[in-house]
Amino acid sequence: PDEYTEFIYEQLKLNIPVSDAMFTKASL
């Protein structure tokens, strides 16, 4: 009860161009 994780959005963009190449091991 004394612990937590908090996520705070600073920016959010939706439905933008994102290449599939972003999600490959080579991109890491």
PDB file of all heavy atoms in Angstrom:
ATOM      1  N   PRO A   1       0.792  -1.244   0.000  1.00  0.00           N
ATOM      2  CA  PRO A   1       0.000   0.000   0.000  1.00  0.00           C
ATOM      3  C   PRO A   1       0.817   1.282   0.000  1.00  0.00           C
ATOM      4  O   PRO A   1       0.278   2.341  -0.333  1.00  0.00           O
ATOM      5  CB  PRO A   1      -0.842  -0.135   1.271  1.00  0.00           C
ATOM      6  CG  PRO A   1      -0.109  -1.114   2.135  1.00  0.00           C
ATOM      7  CD  PRO A   1       0.539  -2.075   1.183  1.00  0.00           C
ATOM      8  N   ASP A   2       2.085   1.222   0.373  1.00  0.00           N
ATOM      9  CA  ASP A   2       2.905   2.431   0.398  1.00  0.00           C
ATOM     10  C   ASP A   2       3.731   2.606  -0.875  1.00  0.00           C
ATOM     11  O   ASP A   2       4.566   3.511  -0.955  1.00  0.00           O
ATOM     12  CB  ASP A   2       3.837   2.408   1.609  1.00  0.00           C
ATOM     13  CG  ASP A   2       3.073   2.459   2.923  1.00  0.00           C
ATOM     14  OD1 ASP A   2       2.020   3.129   2.958  1.00  0.00           O
ATOM     15  OD2 ASP A   2       3.508   1.817   3.894  1.00  0.00           O
ATOM     16  N   GLU A   3       3.517   1.742  -1.860  1.00  0.00           N
ATOM     17  CA  GLU A   3       4.293   1.803  -3.095  1.00  0.00           C
ATOM     18  C   GLU A   3       3.399   2.193  -4.268  1.00  0.00           C
ATOM     19  O   GLU A   3       2.174   2.044  -4.224  1.00  0.00           O
ATOM     20  CB  GLU A   3       4.957   0.454  -3.368  1.00  0.00           C
ATOM     21  CG  GLU A   3       5.928   0.014  -2.278  1.00  0.00           C
ATOM     22  CD  GLU A   3       6.729  -1.213  -2.672  1.00  0.00           C
ATOM     23  OE1 GLU A   3       6.620  -1.652  -3.839  1.00  0.00           O
ATOM     24  OE2 GLU A   3       7.481  -1.720  -1.822  1.00  0.00           O
ATOM     25  N   TYR A   4       4.026   2.671  -5.338  1.00  0.00           N
ATOM     26  CA  TYR A   4       3.273   2.992  -6.547  1.00  0.00           C
ATOM     27  C   TYR A   4       4.229   3.176  -7.712  1.00  0.00           C
ATOM     28  O   TYR A   4       5.436   3.388  -7.541  1.00  0.00           O
ATOM     29  CB  TYR A   4       2.427   4.265  -6.361  1.00  0.00           C
ATOM     30  CG  TYR A   4       3.226   5.531  -6.157  1.00  0.00           C
ATOM     31  CD1 TYR A   4       3.733   6.263  -7.240  1.00  0.00           C
ATOM     32  CD2 TYR A   4       3.475   6.022  -4.868  1.00  0.00           C
ATOM     33  CE1 TYR A   4       4.463   7.423  -7.067  1.00  0.00           C
ATOM     34  CE2 TYR A   4       4.210   7.190  -4.686  1.00  0.00           C
ATOM     35  CZ  TYR A   4       4.700   7.877  -5.780  1.00  0.00           C
ATOM     36  OH  TYR A   4       5.424   9.024  -5.599  1.00  0.00           O
ATOM     37  N   THR A   5       3.667   3.096  -8.905  1.00  0.00           N
ATOM     38  CA  THR A   5       4.332   3.523 -10.129  1.00  0.00           C
ATOM     39  C   THR A   5       3.417   4.534 -10.807  1.00  0.00           C
ATOM     40  O   THR A   5       2.214   4.293 -10.928  1.00  0.00           O
ATOM     41  CB  THR A   5       4.602   2.344 -11.078  1.00  0.00           C
ATOM     42  OG1 THR A   5       5.547   1.464 -10.477  1.00  0.00           O
ATOM     43  CG2 THR A   5       5.156   2.837 -12.416  1.00  0.00           C
ATOM     44  N   GLU A   6       3.989   5.652 -11.229  1.00  0.00           N
ATOM     45  CA  GLU A   6       3.191   6.715 -11.835  1.00  0.00           C
ATOM     46  C   GLU A   6       3.762   7.075 -13.197  1.00  0.00           C
ATOM     47  O   GLU A   6       4.969   7.275 -13.330  1.00  0.00           O
ATOM     48  CB  GLU A   6       3.197   7.937 -10.920  1.00  0.00           C
ATOM     49  CG  GLU A   6       2.248   9.039 -11.338  1.00  0.00           C
ATOM     50  CD  GLU A   6       2.160  10.120 -10.283  1.00  0.00           C
ATOM     51  OE1 GLU A   6       3.154  10.845 -10.095  1.00  0.00           O
ATOM     52  OE2 GLU A   6       1.095  10.225  -9.642  1.00  0.00           O
ATOM     53  N   PHE A   7       2.900   7.110 -14.195  1.00  0.00           N
ATOM     54  CA  PHE A   7       3.278   7.504 -15.549  1.00  0.00           C
ATOM     55  C   PHE A   7       2.660   8.870 -15.848  1.00  0.00           C
ATOM     56  O   PHE A   7       1.458   9.071 -15.658  1.00  0.00           O
ATOM     57  CB  PHE A   7       2.788   6.492 -16.572  1.00  0.00           C
ATOM     58  CG  PHE A   7       3.361   5.113 -16.376  1.00  0.00           C
ATOM     59  CD1 PHE A   7       2.648   4.144 -15.691  1.00  0.00           C
ATOM     60  CD2 PHE A   7       4.608   4.791 -16.870  1.00  0.00           C
ATOM     61  CE1 PHE A   7       3.168   2.873 -15.506  1.00  0.00           C
ATOM     62  CE2 PHE A   7       5.146   3.521 -16.686  1.00  0.00           C
ATOM     63  CZ  PHE A   7       4.429   2.566 -16.003  1.00  0.00           C
ATOM     64  N   ILE A   8       3.483   9.799 -16.336  1.00  0.00           N
ATOM     65  CA  ILE A   8       3.019  11.150 -16.624  1.00  0.00           C
ATOM     66  C   ILE A   8       3.343  11.475 -18.081  1.00  0.00           C
ATOM     67  O   ILE A   8       4.513  11.502 -18.481  1.00  0.00           O
ATOM     68  CB  ILE A   8       3.689  12.173 -15.703  1.00  0.00           C
ATOM     69  CG1 ILE A   8       3.410  11.812 -14.235  1.00  0.00           C
ATOM     70  CG2 ILE A   8       3.192  13.581 -16.009  1.00  0.00           C
ATOM     71  CD1 ILE A   8       4.213  12.623 -13.250  1.00  0.00           C
ATOM     72  N   TYR A   9       2.301  11.715 -18.863  1.00  0.00           N
ATOM     73  CA  TYR A   9       2.480  12.065 -20.265  1.00  0.00           C
ATOM     74  C   TYR A   9       2.946  13.500 -20.417  1.00  0.00           C
ATOM     75  O   TYR A   9       2.333  14.417 -19.873  1.00  0.00           O
ATOM     76  CB  TYR A   9       1.153  11.922 -21.024  1.00  0.00           C
ATOM     77  CG  TYR A   9       0.791  10.521 -21.408  1.00  0.00           C
ATOM     78  CD1 TYR A   9       0.138   9.697 -20.500  1.00  0.00           C
ATOM     79  CD2 TYR A   9       1.096  10.017 -22.666  1.00  0.00           C
ATOM     80  CE1 TYR A   9      -0.203   8.406 -20.840  1.00  0.00           C
ATOM     81  CE2 TYR A   9       0.754   8.731 -23.010  1.00  0.00           C
ATOM     82  CZ  TYR A   9       0.105   7.928 -22.094  1.00  0.00           C
ATOM     83  OH  TYR A   9      -0.222   6.647 -22.423  1.00  0.00           O
ATOM     84  N   GLU A  10       4.018  13.690 -21.174  1.00  0.00           N
ATOM     85  CA  GLU A  10       4.466  15.029 -21.554  1.00  0.00           C
ATOM     86  C   GLU A  10       4.019  15.363 -22.974  1.00  0.00           C
ATOM     87  O   GLU A  10       3.656  16.497 -23.264  1.00  0.00           O
ATOM     88  CB  GLU A  10       5.985  15.118 -21.470  1.00  0.00           C
ATOM     89  CG  GLU A  10       6.536  14.891 -20.064  1.00  0.00           C
ATOM     90  CD  GLU A  10       8.043  14.934 -20.048  1.00  0.00           C
ATOM     91  OE1 GLU A  10       8.648  15.520 -20.980  1.00  0.00           O
ATOM     92  OE2 GLU A  10       8.650  14.375 -19.113  1.00  0.00           O
ATOM     93  N   GLN A  11       4.065  14.372 -23.859  1.00  0.00           N
ATOM     94  CA  GLN A  11       3.647  14.539 -25.247  1.00  0.00           C
ATOM     95  C   GLN A  11       2.912  13.287 -25.694  1.00  0.00           C
ATOM     96  O   GLN A  11       3.193  12.181 -25.217  1.00  0.00           O
ATOM     97  CB  GLN A  11       4.849  14.734 -26.181  1.00  0.00           C
ATOM     98  CG  GLN A  11       5.703  15.942 -25.924  1.00  0.00           C
ATOM     99  CD  GLN A  11       6.861  16.018 -26.910  1.00  0.00           C
ATOM    100  OE1 GLN A  11       6.708  15.757 -28.112  1.00  0.00           O
ATOM    101  NE2 GLN A  11       8.032  16.369 -26.407  1.00  0.00           N
ATOM    102  N   LEU A  12       1.989  13.452 -26.615  1.00  0.00           N
ATOM    103  CA  LEU A  12       1.315  12.321 -27.242  1.00  0.00           C
ATOM    104  C   LEU A  12       0.874  12.718 -28.642  1.00  0.00           C
ATOM    105  O   LEU A  12       0.232  13.753 -28.825  1.00  0.00           O
ATOM    106  CB  LEU A  12       0.093  11.883 -26.431  1.00  0.00           C
ATOM    107  CG  LEU A  12      -0.744  10.750 -27.034  1.00  0.00           C
ATOM    108  CD1 LEU A  12       0.066   9.455 -27.094  1.00  0.00           C
ATOM    109  CD2 LEU A  12      -2.030  10.537 -26.240  1.00  0.00           C
ATOM    110  N   LYS A  13       1.250  11.915 -29.622  1.00  0.00           N
ATOM    111  CA  LYS A  13       0.813  12.101 -31.000  1.00  0.00           C
ATOM    112  C   LYS A  13       0.231  10.779 -31.479  1.00  0.00           C
ATOM    113  O   LYS A  13       0.806   9.716 -31.225  1.00  0.00           O
ATOM    114  CB  LYS A  13       1.980  12.523 -31.898  1.00  0.00           C
ATOM    115  CG  LYS A  13       2.639  13.843 -31.508  1.00  0.00           C
ATOM    116  CD  LYS A  13       3.824  14.158 -32.407  1.00  0.00           C
ATOM    117  CE  LYS A  13       4.504  15.451 -31.994  1.00  0.00           C
ATOM    118  NZ  LYS A  13       5.682  15.751 -32.859  1.00  0.00           N
ATOM    119  N   LEU A  14      -0.895  10.852 -32.167  1.00  0.00           N
ATOM    120  CA  LEU A  14      -1.565   9.652 -32.656  1.00  0.00           C
ATOM    121  C   LEU A  14      -1.674   9.676 -34.177  1.00  0.00           C
ATOM    122  O   LEU A  14      -1.716  10.734 -34.798  1.00  0.00           O
ATOM    123  CB  LEU A  14      -2.964   9.540 -32.051  1.00  0.00           C
ATOM    124  CG  LEU A  14      -3.049   9.382 -30.537  1.00  0.00           C
ATOM    125  CD1 LEU A  14      -4.499   9.342 -30.089  1.00  0.00           C
ATOM    126  CD2 LEU A  14      -2.317   8.133 -30.063  1.00  0.00           C
ATOM    127  N   ASN A  15      -1.714   8.458 -34.742  1.00  0.00           N
ATOM    128  CA  ASN A  15      -1.940   8.283 -36.185  1.00  0.00           C
ATOM    129  C   ASN A  15      -0.907   9.042 -37.007  1.00  0.00           C
ATOM    130  O   ASN A  15      -1.244   9.828 -37.901  1.00  0.00           O
ATOM    131  CB  ASN A  15      -3.367   8.707 -36.551  1.00  0.00           C
ATOM    132  CG  ASN A  15      -4.406   7.921 -35.786  1.00  0.00           C
ATOM    133  OD1 ASN A  15      -4.293   6.703 -35.648  1.00  0.00           O
ATOM    134  ND2 ASN A  15      -5.402   8.594 -35.262  1.00  0.00           N
ATOM    135  N   ILE A  16       0.348   8.807 -36.680  1.00  0.00           N
ATOM    136  CA  ILE A  16       1.458   9.439 -37.376  1.00  0.00           C
ATOM    137  C   ILE A  16       2.213   8.388 -38.181  1.00  0.00           C
ATOM    138  O   ILE A  16       2.122   7.185 -37.897  1.00  0.00           O
ATOM    139  CB  ILE A  16       2.414  10.108 -36.370  1.00  0.00           C
ATOM    140  CG1 ILE A  16       2.952   9.071 -35.377  1.00  0.00           C
ATOM    141  CG2 ILE A  16       1.725  11.257 -35.649  1.00  0.00           C
ATOM    142  CD1 ILE A  16       4.006   9.597 -34.435  1.00  0.00           C
ATOM    143  N   PRO A  17       2.966   8.794 -39.199  1.00  0.00           N
ATOM    144  CA  PRO A  17       3.750   7.815 -39.958  1.00  0.00           C
ATOM    145  C   PRO A  17       4.854   7.208 -39.079  1.00  0.00           C
ATOM    146  O   PRO A  17       5.658   7.936 -38.494  1.00  0.00           O
ATOM    147  CB  PRO A  17       4.362   8.646 -41.092  1.00  0.00           C
ATOM    148  CG  PRO A  17       3.519   9.888 -41.171  1.00  0.00           C
ATOM    149  CD  PRO A  17       3.055  10.154 -39.776  1.00  0.00           C
ATOM    150  N   VAL A  18       4.860   5.889 -38.975  1.00  0.00           N
ATOM    151  CA  VAL A  18       5.901   5.171 -38.238  1.00  0.00           C
ATOM    152  C   VAL A  18       6.323   3.974 -39.079  1.00  0.00           C
ATOM    153  O   VAL A  18       5.491   3.135 -39.454  1.00  0.00           O
ATOM    154  CB  VAL A  18       5.409   4.686 -36.855  1.00  0.00           C
ATOM    155  CG1 VAL A  18       6.527   3.936 -36.129  1.00  0.00           C
ATOM    156  CG2 VAL A  18       4.935   5.856 -36.006  1.00  0.00           C
ATOM    157  N   SER A  19       7.603   3.872 -39.359  1.00  0.00           N
ATOM    158  CA  SER A  19       8.106   2.790 -40.197  1.00  0.00           C
ATOM    159  C   SER A  19       8.158   1.480 -39.420  1.00  0.00           C
ATOM    160  O   SER A  19       8.476   1.449 -38.226  1.00  0.00           O
ATOM    161  CB  SER A  19       9.511   3.143 -40.697  1.00  0.00           C
ATOM    162  OG  SER A  19      10.108   2.032 -41.335  1.00  0.00           O
ATOM    163  N   ASP A  20       7.872   0.371 -40.107  1.00  0.00           N
ATOM    164  CA  ASP A  20       8.014  -0.948 -39.490  1.00  0.00           C
ATOM    165  C   ASP A  20       9.454  -1.214 -39.073  1.00  0.00           C
ATOM    166  O   ASP A  20       9.710  -2.016 -38.165  1.00  0.00           O
ATOM    167  CB  ASP A  20       7.560  -2.041 -40.473  1.00  0.00           C
ATOM    168  CG  ASP A  20       6.056  -2.083 -40.642  1.00  0.00           C
ATOM    169  OD1 ASP A  20       5.340  -1.668 -39.699  1.00  0.00           O
ATOM    170  OD2 ASP A  20       5.584  -2.522 -41.706  1.00  0.00           O
ATOM    171  N   ALA A  21      10.396  -0.543 -39.737  1.00  0.00           N
ATOM    172  CA  ALA A  21      11.813  -0.732 -39.406  1.00  0.00           C
ATOM    173  C   ALA A  21      12.131  -0.276 -37.981  1.00  0.00           C
ATOM    174  O   ALA A  21      13.143  -0.714 -37.408  1.00  0.00           O
ATOM    175  CB  ALA A  21      12.686   0.020 -40.400  1.00  0.00           C
ATOM    176  N   MET A  22      11.281   0.580 -37.410  1.00  0.00           N
ATOM    177  CA  MET A  22      11.479   1.030 -36.033  1.00  0.00           C
ATOM    178  C   MET A  22      11.416  -0.139 -35.053  1.00  0.00           C
ATOM    179  O   MET A  22      12.067  -0.127 -34.000  1.00  0.00           O
ATOM    180  CB  MET A  22      10.401   2.062 -35.693  1.00  0.00           C
ATOM    181  CG  MET A  22      10.329   2.486 -34.240  1.00  0.00           C
ATOM    182  SD  MET A  22      11.688   3.537 -33.715  1.00  0.00           S
ATOM    183  CE  MET A  22      11.258   5.036 -34.604  1.00  0.00           C
ATOM    184  N   PHE A  23      10.660  -1.187 -35.414  1.00  0.00           N
ATOM    185  CA  PHE A  23      10.373  -2.276 -34.475  1.00  0.00           C
ATOM    186  C   PHE A  23      11.145  -3.550 -34.812  1.00  0.00           C
ATOM    187  O   PHE A  23      10.615  -4.654 -34.733  1.00  0.00           O
ATOM    188  CB  PHE A  23       8.867  -2.535 -34.458  1.00  0.00           C
ATOM    189  CG  PHE A  23       8.071  -1.287 -34.204  1.00  0.00           C
ATOM    190  CD1 PHE A  23       7.473  -0.606 -35.257  1.00  0.00           C
ATOM    191  CD2 PHE A  23       7.954  -0.757 -32.933  1.00  0.00           C
ATOM    192  CE1 PHE A  23       6.751   0.550 -35.044  1.00  0.00           C
ATOM    193  CE2 PHE A  23       7.238   0.415 -32.702  1.00  0.00           C
ATOM    194  CZ  PHE A  23       6.635   1.071 -33.759  1.00  0.00           C
ATOM    195  N   THR A  24      12.386  -3.391 -35.181  1.00  0.00           N
ATOM    196  CA  THR A  24      13.264  -4.523 -35.476  1.00  0.00           C
ATOM    197  C   THR A  24      14.441  -4.501 -34.514  1.00  0.00           C
ATOM    198  O   THR A  24      14.781  -3.462 -33.934  1.00  0.00           O
ATOM    199  CB  THR A  24      13.786  -4.457 -36.918  1.00  0.00           C
ATOM    200  OG1 THR A  24      14.596  -3.259 -37.069  1.00  0.00           O
ATOM    201  CG2 THR A  24      12.643  -4.415 -37.921  1.00  0.00           C
ATOM    202  N   LYS A  25      15.089  -5.645 -34.357  1.00  0.00           N
ATOM    203  CA  LYS A  25      16.251  -5.724 -33.462  1.00  0.00           C
ATOM    204  C   LYS A  25      17.358  -4.794 -33.947  1.00  0.00           C
ATOM    205  O   LYS A  25      18.109  -4.236 -33.140  1.00  0.00           O
ATOM    206  CB  LYS A  25      16.748  -7.160 -33.394  1.00  0.00           C
ATOM    207  CG  LYS A  25      15.826  -8.085 -32.615  1.00  0.00           C
ATOM    208  CD  LYS A  25      16.298  -9.531 -32.691  1.00  0.00           C
ATOM    209  CE  LYS A  25      17.633  -9.719 -32.021  1.00  0.00           C
ATOM    210  NZ  LYS A  25      18.079 -11.135 -32.052  1.00  0.00           N
ATOM    211  N   ALA A  26      17.448  -4.596 -35.262  1.00  0.00           N
ATOM    212  CA  ALA A  26      18.502  -3.730 -35.806  1.00  0.00           C
ATOM    213  C   ALA A  26      18.335  -2.283 -35.365  1.00  0.00           C
ATOM    214  O   ALA A  26      19.305  -1.523 -35.332  1.00  0.00           O
ATOM    215  CB  ALA A  26      18.512  -3.820 -37.334  1.00  0.00           C
ATOM    216  N   SER A  27      17.111  -1.883 -35.007  1.00  0.00           N
ATOM    217  CA  SER A  27      16.866  -0.498 -34.642  1.00  0.00           C
ATOM    218  C   SER A  27      17.233  -0.203 -33.188  1.00  0.00           C
ATOM    219  O   SER A  27      17.283   0.970 -32.791  1.00  0.00           O
ATOM    220  CB  SER A  27      15.382  -0.153 -34.847  1.00  0.00           C
ATOM    221  OG  SER A  27      14.582  -0.737 -33.834  1.00  0.00           O
ATOM    222  N   LEU A  28      17.493  -1.213 -32.407  1.00  0.00           N
ATOM    223  CA  LEU A  28      17.663  -1.011 -30.964  1.00  0.00           C
ATOM    224  C   LEU A  28      18.880  -0.181 -30.610  1.00  0.00           C
ATOM    225  O   LEU A  28      18.903   0.517 -29.603  1.00  0.00           O
ATOM    226  CB  LEU A  28      17.739  -2.360 -30.248  1.00  0.00           C
ATOM    227  CG  LEU A  28      16.485  -3.254 -30.376  1.00  0.00           C
ATOM    228  CD1 LEU A  28      16.652  -4.509 -29.546  1.00  0.00           C
ATOM    229  CD2 LEU A  28      15.227  -2.511 -29.956  1.00  0.00           C
TER     230      LEU A  28
END
